[in-house]
C-alpha atoms as a PDB file:
ATOM      1  CA  MET A   1     -12.649 -23.269  -8.396  1.00  0.00           C
ATOM      2  CA  ALA A   2     -15.536 -24.726  -9.247  1.00  0.00           C
ATOM      3  CA  ARG A   3     -17.806 -24.557  -6.231  1.00  0.00           C
ATOM      4  CA  VAL A   4     -18.500 -21.865  -3.523  1.00  0.00           C
ATOM      5  CA  GLU A   5     -18.487 -23.096  -0.029  1.00  0.00           C
ATOM      6  CA  LEU A   6     -20.122 -20.173   2.720  1.00  0.00           C
ATOM      7  CA  GLY A   7     -21.191 -20.798   6.122  1.00  0.00           C
ATOM      8  CA  ALA A   8     -24.996 -19.626   6.824  1.00  0.00           C
ATOM      9  CA  GLU A   9     -25.239 -17.481  10.249  1.00  0.00           C
ATOM     10  CA  ASP A  10     -28.947 -17.471  10.389  1.00  0.00           C
ATOM     11  CA  GLN A  11     -29.924 -17.539  14.186  1.00  0.00           C
ATOM     12  CA  GLY A  12     -33.937 -17.135  13.640  1.00  0.00           C
ATOM     13  CA  SER A  13     -36.354 -17.137  11.357  1.00  0.00           C
ATOM     14  CA  GLN A  14     -34.342 -19.122   8.515  1.00  0.00           C
ATOM     15  CA  LYS A  15     -34.888 -16.400   6.213  1.00  0.00           C
ATOM     16  CA  LEU A  16     -31.259 -16.064   4.976  1.00  0.00           C
ATOM     17  CA  ILE A  17     -30.657 -19.746   4.647  1.00  0.00           C
ATOM     18  CA  GLN A  18     -34.081 -19.827   2.285  1.00  0.00           C
ATOM     19  CA  TYR A  19     -32.493 -16.525   0.563  1.00  0.00           C
ATOM     20  CA  TYR A  20     -29.160 -18.473  -0.379  1.00  0.00           C
ATOM     21  CA  THR A  21     -31.273 -21.588  -1.354  1.00  0.00           C
ATOM     22  CA  ASP A  22     -33.203 -19.683  -3.878  1.00  0.00           C
ATOM     23  CA  LEU A  23     -29.515 -18.198  -5.096  1.00  0.00           C
ATOM     24  CA  GLY A  24     -28.943 -21.888  -5.950  1.00  0.00           C
ATOM     25  CA  PHE A  25     -26.762 -23.362  -2.129  1.00  0.00           C
ATOM     26  CA  SER A  26     -27.652 -26.366  -0.766  1.00  0.00           C
ATOM     27  CA  SER A  27     -26.441 -28.103   2.211  1.00  0.00           C
ATOM     28  CA  LYS A  28     -25.847 -31.627   2.909  1.00  0.00           C
ATOM     29  CA  MET A  29     -25.893 -31.255   6.932  1.00  0.00           C
ATOM     30  CA  ALA A  30     -28.557 -32.454   8.948  1.00  0.00           C
ATOM     31  CA  GLY A  31     -28.110 -29.015  11.435  1.00  0.00           C
ATOM     32  CA  LYS A  32     -25.930 -26.286  12.081  1.00  0.00           C
ATOM     33  CA  VAL A  33     -22.252 -26.923  13.561  1.00  0.00           C
ATOM     34  CA  PHE A  34     -21.023 -23.474  15.605  1.00  0.00           C
ATOM     35  CA  GLY A  35     -23.984 -22.015  14.936  1.00  0.00           C
ATOM     36  CA  GLU A  36     -23.665 -21.966  11.170  1.00  0.00           C
ATOM     37  CA  LEU A  37     -25.025 -24.144   8.344  1.00  0.00           C
ATOM     38  CA  SER A  38     -22.625 -25.141   5.867  1.00  0.00           C
ATOM     39  CA  MET A  39     -23.963 -24.580   2.152  1.00  0.00           C
ATOM     40  CA  ASP A  40     -22.622 -24.845  -1.220  1.00  0.00           C
ATOM     41  CA  ALA A  41     -23.249 -24.119  -5.115  1.00  0.00           C
ATOM     42  CA  PRO A  42     -21.635 -24.578  -8.245  1.00  0.00           C
ATOM     43  CA  ILE A  43     -19.843 -21.577  -9.266  1.00  0.00           C
ATOM     44  CA  GLY A  44     -21.623 -20.966 -12.391  1.00  0.00           C
ATOM     45  CA  SER A  45     -24.789 -20.598 -10.110  1.00  0.00           C
ATOM     46  CA  VAL A  46     -23.296 -17.987  -8.298  1.00  0.00           C
ATOM     47  CA  SER A  47     -21.151 -16.003 -11.103  1.00  0.00           C
ATOM     48  CA  ALA A  48     -24.785 -15.935 -13.155  1.00  0.00           C
ATOM     49  CA  PHE A  49     -25.876 -12.856 -10.347  1.00  0.00           C
ATOM     50  CA  ALA A  50     -22.787 -11.067 -11.229  1.00  0.00           C
ATOM     51  CA  PRO A  51     -23.324  -8.301 -13.325  1.00  0.00           C
ATOM     52  CA  GLN A  52     -22.228  -8.302 -16.541  1.00  0.00           C
ATOM     53  CA  SER A  53     -19.989  -5.128 -16.573  1.00  0.00           C
ATOM     54  CA  TRP A  54     -17.884  -7.532 -13.977  1.00  0.00           C
ATOM     55  CA  MET A  55     -17.843 -10.429 -16.106  1.00  0.00           C
ATOM     56  CA  CYS A  56     -16.630  -8.747 -19.481  1.00  0.00           C
ATOM     57  CA  ALA A  57     -13.889  -7.256 -17.058  1.00  0.00           C
ATOM     58  CA  LEU A  58     -12.326 -10.643 -16.282  1.00  0.00           C
ATOM     59  CA  PRO A  59      -9.770 -12.119 -18.128  1.00  0.00           C
ATOM     60  CA  LEU A  60     -10.522 -14.617 -20.856  1.00  0.00           C
ATOM     61  CA  ASP A  61     -10.347 -18.268 -20.166  1.00  0.00           C
ATOM     62  CA  SER A  62      -6.753 -18.698 -22.300  1.00  0.00           C
ATOM     63  CA  PHE A  63      -5.390 -15.992 -20.094  1.00  0.00           C
ATOM     64  CA  ASN A  64      -1.930 -17.112 -18.455  1.00  0.00           C
ATOM     65  CA  ALA A  65      -0.647 -14.707 -16.106  1.00  0.00           C
ATOM     66  CA  TRP A  66       2.633 -15.667 -15.491  1.00  0.00           C
ATOM     67  CA  PRO A  67       3.711 -14.752 -18.908  1.00  0.00           C
ATOM     68  CA  TRP A  68       2.058 -11.608 -18.658  1.00  0.00           C
ATOM     69  CA  LEU A  69       3.812 -10.568 -15.254  1.00  0.00           C
ATOM     70  CA  TRP A  70       7.452 -12.548 -15.774  1.00  0.00           C
ATOM     71  CA  GLY A  71       7.855 -12.729 -19.730  1.00  0.00           C
ATOM     72  CA  ASP A  72      10.214 -15.874 -20.383  1.00  0.00           C
ATOM     73  CA  ALA A  73      11.458 -16.341 -16.803  1.00  0.00           C
ATOM     74  CA  GLU A  74      11.209 -19.565 -15.430  1.00  0.00           C
ATOM     75  CA  ARG A  75       7.882 -20.383 -13.648  1.00  0.00           C
ATOM     76  CA  PRO A  76       9.350 -21.479 -10.294  1.00  0.00           C
ATOM     77  CA  SER A  77       7.524 -24.654  -8.216  1.00  0.00           C
ATOM     78  CA  LEU A  78       4.714 -23.982  -5.955  1.00  0.00           C
ATOM     79  CA  SER A  79       6.931 -24.666  -2.691  1.00  0.00           C
ATOM     80  CA  SER A  80       9.383 -22.219  -3.909  1.00  0.00           C
ATOM     81  CA  MET A  81       6.903 -19.527  -4.502  1.00  0.00           C
ATOM     82  CA  ILE A  82       5.627 -20.139  -0.995  1.00  0.00           C
ATOM     83  CA  ASN A  83       8.822 -19.971   0.546  1.00  0.00           C
ATOM     84  CA  LEU A  84       9.319 -17.217  -1.147  1.00  0.00           C
ATOM     85  CA  MET A  85       6.315 -15.410   0.513  1.00  0.00           C
ATOM     86  CA  ALA A  86       7.523 -16.673   4.052  1.00  0.00           C
ATOM     87  CA  ALA A  87       4.625 -18.378   4.764  1.00  0.00           C
ATOM     88  CA  PRO A  88       4.342 -20.613   7.679  1.00  0.00           C
ATOM     89  CA  ASP A  89       4.046 -24.417   7.127  1.00  0.00           C
ATOM     90  CA  THR A  90       2.920 -25.125  10.726  1.00  0.00           C
ATOM     91  CA  TRP A  91       0.789 -23.562  13.008  1.00  0.00           C
ATOM     92  CA  ASN A  92       0.200 -24.449  17.015  1.00  0.00           C
ATOM     93  CA  TRP A  93      -2.061 -23.210  19.840  1.00  0.00           C
ATOM     94  CA  PRO A  94      -3.377 -24.209  23.048  1.00  0.00           C
ATOM     95  CA  VAL A  95      -7.215 -25.466  23.260  1.00  0.00           C
ATOM     96  CA  GLN A  96      -9.286 -24.905  26.415  1.00  0.00           C
ATOM     97  CA  TRP A  97     -10.569 -28.691  26.244  1.00  0.00           C
ATOM     98  CA  PRO A  98      -9.233 -30.995  26.912  1.00  0.00           C
ATOM     99  CA  GLY A  99      -6.827 -29.450  29.332  1.00  0.00           C
ATOM    100  CA  SER A 100      -3.311 -29.110  28.405  1.00  0.00           C
ATOM    101  CA  ALA A 101      -4.054 -30.229  24.729  1.00  0.00           C
ATOM    102  CA  GLU A 102      -2.769 -28.551  21.565  1.00  0.00           C
ATOM    103  CA  MET A 103      -3.782 -28.236  17.948  1.00  0.00           C
ATOM    104  CA  GLN A 104      -1.288 -28.177  15.203  1.00  0.00           C
ATOM    105  CA  ILE A 105      -1.817 -27.288  11.560  1.00  0.00           C
ATOM    106  CA  ARG A 106       1.112 -28.601   8.870  1.00  0.00           C
ATOM    107  CA  THR A 107       0.801 -27.549   5.376  1.00  0.00           C
ATOM    108  CA  SER A 108       3.278 -29.640   2.595  1.00  0.00           C
ATOM    109  CA  TRP A 109       3.472 -28.683  -1.189  1.00  0.00           C
ATOM    110  CA  ILE A 110       2.931 -30.701  -3.945  1.00  0.00           C
ATOM    111  CA  ASP A 111       5.252 -29.612  -6.635  1.00  0.00           C
ATOM    112  CA  ALA A 112       4.538 -32.274  -9.520  1.00  0.00           C
ATOM    113  CA  ASP A 113       2.921 -30.576 -12.171  1.00  0.00           C
ATOM    114  CA  ALA A 114       0.147 -33.209 -13.006  1.00  0.00           C
ATOM    115  CA  LYS A 115      -0.384 -33.415  -9.083  1.00  0.00           C
ATOM    116  CA  ALA A 116       0.492 -29.590  -8.089  1.00  0.00           C
ATOM    117  CA  GLY A 117      -1.494 -29.280  -4.519  1.00  0.00           C
ATOM    118  CA  ALA A 118      -1.439 -29.325  -0.706  1.00  0.00           C
ATOM    119  CA  THR A 119      -1.746 -31.692   2.042  1.00  0.00           C
ATOM    120  CA  ILE A 120      -2.899 -30.089   4.675  1.00  0.00           C
ATOM    121  CA  THR A 121      -2.443 -32.215   8.115  1.00  0.00           C
ATOM    122  CA  ALA A 122      -4.754 -31.288  11.717  1.00  0.00           C
ATOM    123  CA  HIS A 123      -3.530 -32.970  14.961  1.00  0.00           C
ATOM    124  CA  LEU A 124      -5.420 -32.683  18.484  1.00  0.00           C
ATOM    125  CA  ARG A 125      -2.820 -34.041  20.749  1.00  0.00           C
ATOM    126  CA  SER A 126      -3.023 -34.248  24.566  1.00  0.00           C
ATOM    127  CA  PRO A 127       0.488 -34.923  26.801  1.00  0.00           C
ATOM    128  CA  MET A 128      -0.473 -38.318  26.910  1.00  0.00           C
ATOM    129  CA  SER A 129      -1.861 -39.346  23.172  1.00  0.00           C
ATOM    130  CA  GLU A 130      -3.203 -38.182  19.651  1.00  0.00           C
ATOM    131  CA  LEU A 131      -6.946 -37.295  20.035  1.00  0.00           C
ATOM    132  CA  VAL A 132      -7.789 -36.401  16.619  1.00  0.00           C
ATOM    133  CA  TYR A 133      -6.241 -36.515  13.330  1.00  0.00           C
ATOM    134  CA  CYS A 134      -7.504 -35.128  10.115  1.00  0.00           C
ATOM    135  CA  ARG A 135      -5.462 -35.080   6.536  1.00  0.00           C
ATOM    136  CA  ALA A 136      -7.200 -33.478   3.392  1.00  0.00           C
ATOM    137  CA  VAL A 137      -5.018 -33.309  -0.027  1.00  0.00           C
ATOM    138  CA  CYS A 138      -5.820 -30.093  -2.334  1.00  0.00           C
ATOM    139  CA  ARG A 139      -5.527 -30.790  -5.629  1.00  0.00           C
ATOM    140  CA  LEU A 140      -5.389 -27.482  -7.846  1.00  0.00           C
ATOM    141  CA  LYS A 141      -5.425 -28.960 -11.409  1.00  0.00           C
ATOM    142  CA  GLN A 142      -8.487 -31.290 -10.639  1.00  0.00           C
ATOM    143  CA  GLU A 143     -10.367 -28.098  -8.376  1.00  0.00           C
ATOM    144  CA  SER A 144     -11.166 -30.852  -5.622  1.00  0.00           C
ATOM    145  CA  ILE A 145     -10.016 -31.341  -1.766  1.00  0.00           C
ATOM    146  CA  ARG A 146      -9.794 -35.196  -0.506  1.00  0.00           C
ATOM    147  CA  VAL A 147     -10.706 -35.607   3.386  1.00  0.00           C
END
């Protein structure tokens, strides 16, 4: 990953937010949402604080886990791996407001090597209509997400 995101929950003196800022985190938001300030930092800034012994124990950048674990076995597609884990692709739950509305989150996996990733959609629906819709595409090779 290229960036680290955190939700800073500083309800008082703002010393925690200042601490995170000193570590290299910043926020593009004007204020808190649900009591937390969304902050992020480049992974390089955060990893600089890790003890050197931790960094030395990590695999090299060129390390390829698949052949190390599985030898010559053909690597399955991303969706096949997700299916093997029996991970659900849709979640639904009722929300308190507006009355009788339901939230639905759905994921779908993209297998093309150059575009491996996931599409995530969120719908807030009432019995009469769709109230809110959001779609995000997570691009694994580009280490990015587009909302």
